[in-house]
Amino acid sequence: AAAGVPYALRYYRKDILRLIAEISMGAGTLAMIGGTLVIVGFLTLATGGTLAVQGYSSLGDIGIEALTGFLAAFINVRISAPVVAGIGLA
């Protein structure tokens, strides 16, 4: 049975997704979760880009542009990610 999994995934993709949606939560909920993931991904991309541009600009004023990567890594993980997740899932 395990040997037939690649064949089933290749030729019966729509049926597999339909059955997973039917068994788990329904097609509407599956679409809603997919839409939420796209929105949270876009919010994260926009927030990270804004943070990088503003961080570089602000750190450039005091002459330490080299720390932009550290600033982005620290703030994205500690502050930005929880805030974006909270807004996106609200």
N, C-alpha and C. Protein backbone atom coordinates (compact mmCIF):
# COMPACT_ATOMS: atom_id res chain seq x y z
N ALA A 1 0.82 -1.19 0.00
CA ALA A 1 0.00 0.00 0.00
C ALA A 1 0.87 1.26 0.00
N ALA A 2 1.99 1.22 0.70
CA ALA A 2 2.85 2.40 0.76
C ALA A 2 3.50 2.69 -0.58
N ALA A 3 3.69 1.69 -1.40
CA ALA A 3 4.30 1.90 -2.71
C ALA A 3 3.36 2.64 -3.65
N GLY A 4 2.07 2.62 -3.40
CA GLY A 4 1.11 3.29 -4.25
C GLY A 4 0.89 4.75 -3.91
N VAL A 5 1.51 5.26 -2.84
CA VAL A 5 1.31 6.65 -2.43
C VAL A 5 1.77 7.64 -3.51
N PRO A 6 2.96 7.49 -4.09
CA PRO A 6 3.35 8.44 -5.15
C PRO A 6 2.39 8.43 -6.34
N TYR A 7 1.92 7.25 -6.70
CA TYR A 7 0.97 7.15 -7.82
C TYR A 7 -0.33 7.89 -7.47
N ALA A 8 -0.81 7.68 -6.27
CA ALA A 8 -2.05 8.34 -5.85
C ALA A 8 -1.88 9.85 -5.78
N LEU A 9 -0.74 10.30 -5.29
CA LEU A 9 -0.50 11.74 -5.21
C LEU A 9 -0.40 12.37 -6.60
N ARG A 10 0.11 11.63 -7.54
CA ARG A 10 0.28 12.16 -8.89
C ARG A 10 -1.05 12.22 -9.63
N TYR A 11 -1.85 11.17 -9.54
CA TYR A 11 -3.03 11.07 -10.38
C TYR A 11 -4.36 11.40 -9.68
N TYR A 12 -4.38 11.41 -8.37
CA TYR A 12 -5.63 11.63 -7.65
C TYR A 12 -5.50 12.78 -6.64
N ARG A 13 -4.79 13.84 -7.02
CA ARG A 13 -4.53 14.96 -6.12
C ARG A 13 -5.83 15.63 -5.64
N LYS A 14 -6.75 15.92 -6.56
CA LYS A 14 -8.00 16.58 -6.18
C LYS A 14 -8.83 15.72 -5.22
N ASP A 15 -8.89 14.44 -5.51
CA ASP A 15 -9.66 13.55 -4.65
C ASP A 15 -9.05 13.45 -3.26
N ILE A 16 -7.73 13.43 -3.18
CA ILE A 16 -7.07 13.34 -1.87
C ILE A 16 -7.36 14.60 -1.06
N LEU A 17 -7.24 15.78 -1.69
CA LEU A 17 -7.54 17.02 -0.98
C LEU A 17 -9.00 17.09 -0.56
N ARG A 18 -9.90 16.63 -1.43
CA ARG A 18 -11.32 16.64 -1.09
C ARG A 18 -11.60 15.74 0.11
N LEU A 19 -10.98 14.57 0.13
CA LEU A 19 -11.19 13.64 1.24
C LEU A 19 -10.59 14.17 2.54
N ILE A 20 -9.41 14.78 2.46
CA ILE A 20 -8.81 15.35 3.67
C ILE A 20 -9.69 16.46 4.21
N ALA A 21 -10.20 17.32 3.34
CA ALA A 21 -11.07 18.40 3.79
C ALA A 21 -12.37 17.86 4.37
N GLU A 22 -12.90 16.82 3.75
CA GLU A 22 -14.15 16.23 4.22
C GLU A 22 -13.98 15.57 5.58
N ILE A 23 -12.86 14.88 5.77
CA ILE A 23 -12.63 14.17 7.02
C ILE A 23 -12.29 15.14 8.14
N SER A 24 -11.45 16.12 7.85
CA SER A 24 -10.95 16.98 8.93
C SER A 24 -11.96 18.02 9.36
N MET A 25 -12.13 19.08 8.57
CA MET A 25 -12.95 20.19 9.04
C MET A 25 -13.97 20.67 8.02
N GLY A 26 -13.83 20.30 6.81
CA GLY A 26 -14.70 20.80 5.76
C GLY A 26 -13.90 21.69 4.82
N ALA A 27 -14.41 21.86 3.61
CA ALA A 27 -13.68 22.62 2.59
C ALA A 27 -13.61 24.10 2.93
N GLY A 28 -14.64 24.64 3.55
CA GLY A 28 -14.65 26.06 3.90
C GLY A 28 -13.58 26.41 4.91
N THR A 29 -13.42 25.59 5.91
CA THR A 29 -12.40 25.83 6.93
C THR A 29 -11.01 25.68 6.34
N LEU A 30 -10.83 24.71 5.45
CA LEU A 30 -9.53 24.52 4.81
C LEU A 30 -9.17 25.74 3.97
N ALA A 31 -10.14 26.30 3.25
CA ALA A 31 -9.90 27.51 2.45
C ALA A 31 -9.62 28.71 3.35
N MET A 32 -10.32 28.79 4.48
CA MET A 32 -10.11 29.89 5.41
C MET A 32 -8.70 29.86 5.99
N ILE A 33 -8.23 28.67 6.35
CA ILE A 33 -6.88 28.54 6.90
C ILE A 33 -5.85 28.90 5.83
N GLY A 34 -6.06 28.47 4.60
CA GLY A 34 -5.15 28.83 3.51
C GLY A 34 -5.10 30.33 3.29
N GLY A 35 -6.26 30.99 3.35
CA GLY A 35 -6.30 32.45 3.20
C GLY A 35 -5.60 33.15 4.34
N THR A 36 -5.76 32.63 5.54
CA THR A 36 -5.10 33.22 6.70
C THR A 36 -3.59 33.12 6.58
N LEU A 37 -3.11 31.99 6.10
CA LEU A 37 -1.66 31.82 5.92
C LEU A 37 -1.10 32.82 4.91
N VAL A 38 -1.84 33.08 3.85
CA VAL A 38 -1.39 34.05 2.85
C VAL A 38 -1.34 35.44 3.46
N ILE A 39 -2.36 35.81 4.22
CA ILE A 39 -2.40 37.14 4.84
C ILE A 39 -1.27 37.30 5.86
N VAL A 40 -1.06 36.31 6.71
CA VAL A 40 0.01 36.39 7.70
C VAL A 40 1.37 36.43 7.01
N GLY A 41 1.55 35.69 5.94
CA GLY A 41 2.80 35.75 5.18
C GLY A 41 3.04 37.12 4.58
N PHE A 42 2.00 37.73 4.02
CA PHE A 42 2.14 39.08 3.46
C PHE A 42 2.45 40.10 4.54
N LEU A 43 1.76 40.00 5.67
CA LEU A 43 2.03 40.93 6.78
C LEU A 43 3.46 40.79 7.28
N THR A 44 3.94 39.56 7.38
CA THR A 44 5.32 39.33 7.84
C THR A 44 6.31 39.90 6.84
N LEU A 45 6.08 39.71 5.55
CA LEU A 45 6.96 40.24 4.52
C LEU A 45 6.99 41.77 4.56
N ALA A 46 5.82 42.38 4.67
CA ALA A 46 5.75 43.84 4.70
C ALA A 46 6.41 44.40 5.97
N THR A 47 6.17 43.76 7.10
CA THR A 47 6.76 44.23 8.36
C THR A 47 8.27 44.07 8.34
N GLY A 48 8.76 42.94 7.87
CA GLY A 48 10.20 42.73 7.80
C GLY A 48 10.88 43.71 6.86
N GLY A 49 10.27 43.97 5.73
CA GLY A 49 10.84 44.94 4.78
C GLY A 49 10.88 46.34 5.35
N THR A 50 9.79 46.75 5.97
CA THR A 50 9.75 48.07 6.59
C THR A 50 10.78 48.19 7.70
N LEU A 51 10.87 47.15 8.50
CA LEU A 51 11.85 47.15 9.59
C LEU A 51 13.28 47.24 9.06
N ALA A 52 13.56 46.53 7.98
CA ALA A 52 14.92 46.56 7.42
C ALA A 52 15.25 47.94 6.87
N VAL A 53 14.33 48.55 6.15
CA VAL A 53 14.60 49.88 5.57
C VAL A 53 14.73 50.93 6.67
N GLN A 54 13.81 50.92 7.62
CA GLN A 54 13.86 51.91 8.69
C GLN A 54 15.06 51.67 9.61
N GLY A 55 15.38 50.42 9.87
CA GLY A 55 16.54 50.12 10.71
C GLY A 55 17.84 50.57 10.07
N TYR A 56 17.98 50.31 8.77
CA TYR A 56 19.19 50.74 8.07
C TYR A 56 19.31 52.26 8.09
N SER A 57 18.18 52.93 7.84
CA SER A 57 18.18 54.39 7.84
C SER A 57 18.53 54.95 9.22
N SER A 58 17.92 54.40 10.25
CA SER A 58 18.17 54.90 11.61
C SER A 58 19.58 54.59 12.07
N LEU A 59 20.07 53.39 11.79
CA LEU A 59 21.43 53.05 12.20
C LEU A 59 22.47 53.80 11.36
N GLY A 60 22.11 54.18 10.15
CA GLY A 60 23.01 54.96 9.31
C GLY A 60 23.23 56.35 9.87
N ASP A 61 22.25 56.88 10.59
CA ASP A 61 22.40 58.21 11.20
C ASP A 61 23.50 58.23 12.25
N ILE A 62 23.73 57.12 12.91
CA ILE A 62 24.77 57.09 13.95
C ILE A 62 25.99 56.30 13.51
N GLY A 63 26.00 55.84 12.25
CA GLY A 63 27.19 55.24 11.68
C GLY A 63 27.42 53.76 11.96
N ILE A 64 26.37 53.02 12.28
CA ILE A 64 26.56 51.59 12.54
C ILE A 64 25.60 50.76 11.68
N GLU A 65 25.64 51.01 10.36
CA GLU A 65 24.76 50.28 9.44
C GLU A 65 25.03 48.79 9.45
N ALA A 66 26.22 48.40 9.85
CA ALA A 66 26.60 46.98 9.84
C ALA A 66 25.75 46.16 10.82
N LEU A 67 25.14 46.81 11.78
CA LEU A 67 24.31 46.09 12.75
C LEU A 67 22.85 45.94 12.31
N THR A 68 22.55 46.28 11.06
CA THR A 68 21.17 46.17 10.58
C THR A 68 20.68 44.72 10.62
N GLY A 69 21.53 43.78 10.25
CA GLY A 69 21.14 42.36 10.29
C GLY A 69 20.81 41.90 11.70
N PHE A 70 21.64 42.30 12.64
CA PHE A 70 21.38 41.94 14.05
C PHE A 70 20.07 42.56 14.53
N LEU A 71 19.87 43.84 14.21
CA LEU A 71 18.65 44.53 14.63
C LEU A 71 17.41 43.84 14.04
N ALA A 72 17.46 43.52 12.75
CA ALA A 72 16.32 42.87 12.10
C ALA A 72 16.07 41.50 12.69
N ALA A 73 17.14 40.73 12.91
CA ALA A 73 16.97 39.38 13.46
C ALA A 73 16.40 39.44 14.87
N PHE A 74 16.87 40.34 15.66
CA PHE A 74 16.41 40.45 17.05
C PHE A 74 14.97 40.95 17.11
N ILE A 75 14.66 42.03 16.41
CA ILE A 75 13.33 42.62 16.51
C ILE A 75 12.28 41.75 15.82
N ASN A 76 12.62 41.14 14.68
CA ASN A 76 11.64 40.28 14.00
C ASN A 76 11.21 39.11 14.88
N VAL A 77 12.16 38.50 15.56
CA VAL A 77 11.83 37.33 16.38
C VAL A 77 11.15 37.72 17.67
N ARG A 78 11.64 38.75 18.33
CA ARG A 78 11.14 39.10 19.66
C ARG A 78 9.89 39.95 19.66
N ILE A 79 9.75 40.84 18.69
CA ILE A 79 8.64 41.80 18.72
C ILE A 79 7.69 41.62 17.54
N SER A 80 8.26 41.63 16.35
CA SER A 80 7.44 41.69 15.14
C SER A 80 6.63 40.41 14.91
N ALA A 81 7.22 39.25 15.05
CA ALA A 81 6.52 38.00 14.77
C ALA A 81 5.30 37.79 15.67
N PRO A 82 5.40 37.97 16.98
CA PRO A 82 4.20 37.81 17.81
C PRO A 82 3.11 38.84 17.51
N VAL A 83 3.52 40.07 17.21
CA VAL A 83 2.52 41.10 16.91
C VAL A 83 1.82 40.80 15.60
N VAL A 84 2.59 40.43 14.57
CA VAL A 84 1.99 40.10 13.27
C VAL A 84 1.09 38.88 13.38
N ALA A 85 1.51 37.88 14.11
CA ALA A 85 0.67 36.69 14.27
C ALA A 85 -0.63 37.04 15.00
N GLY A 86 -0.54 37.87 16.00
CA GLY A 86 -1.75 38.29 16.73
C GLY A 86 -2.71 39.07 15.85
N ILE A 87 -2.17 39.98 15.04
CA ILE A 87 -3.02 40.77 14.15
C ILE A 87 -3.59 39.90 13.05
N GLY A 88 -2.77 39.04 12.48
CA GLY A 88 -3.23 38.21 11.37
C GLY A 88 -4.26 37.18 11.78
N LEU A 89 -4.19 36.69 12.98
CA LEU A 89 -5.13 35.66 13.43
C LEU A 89 -6.33 36.24 14.18
N ALA A 90 -6.35 37.55 14.36
CA ALA A 90 -7.48 38.18 15.08
C ALA A 90 -8.72 38.22 14.23
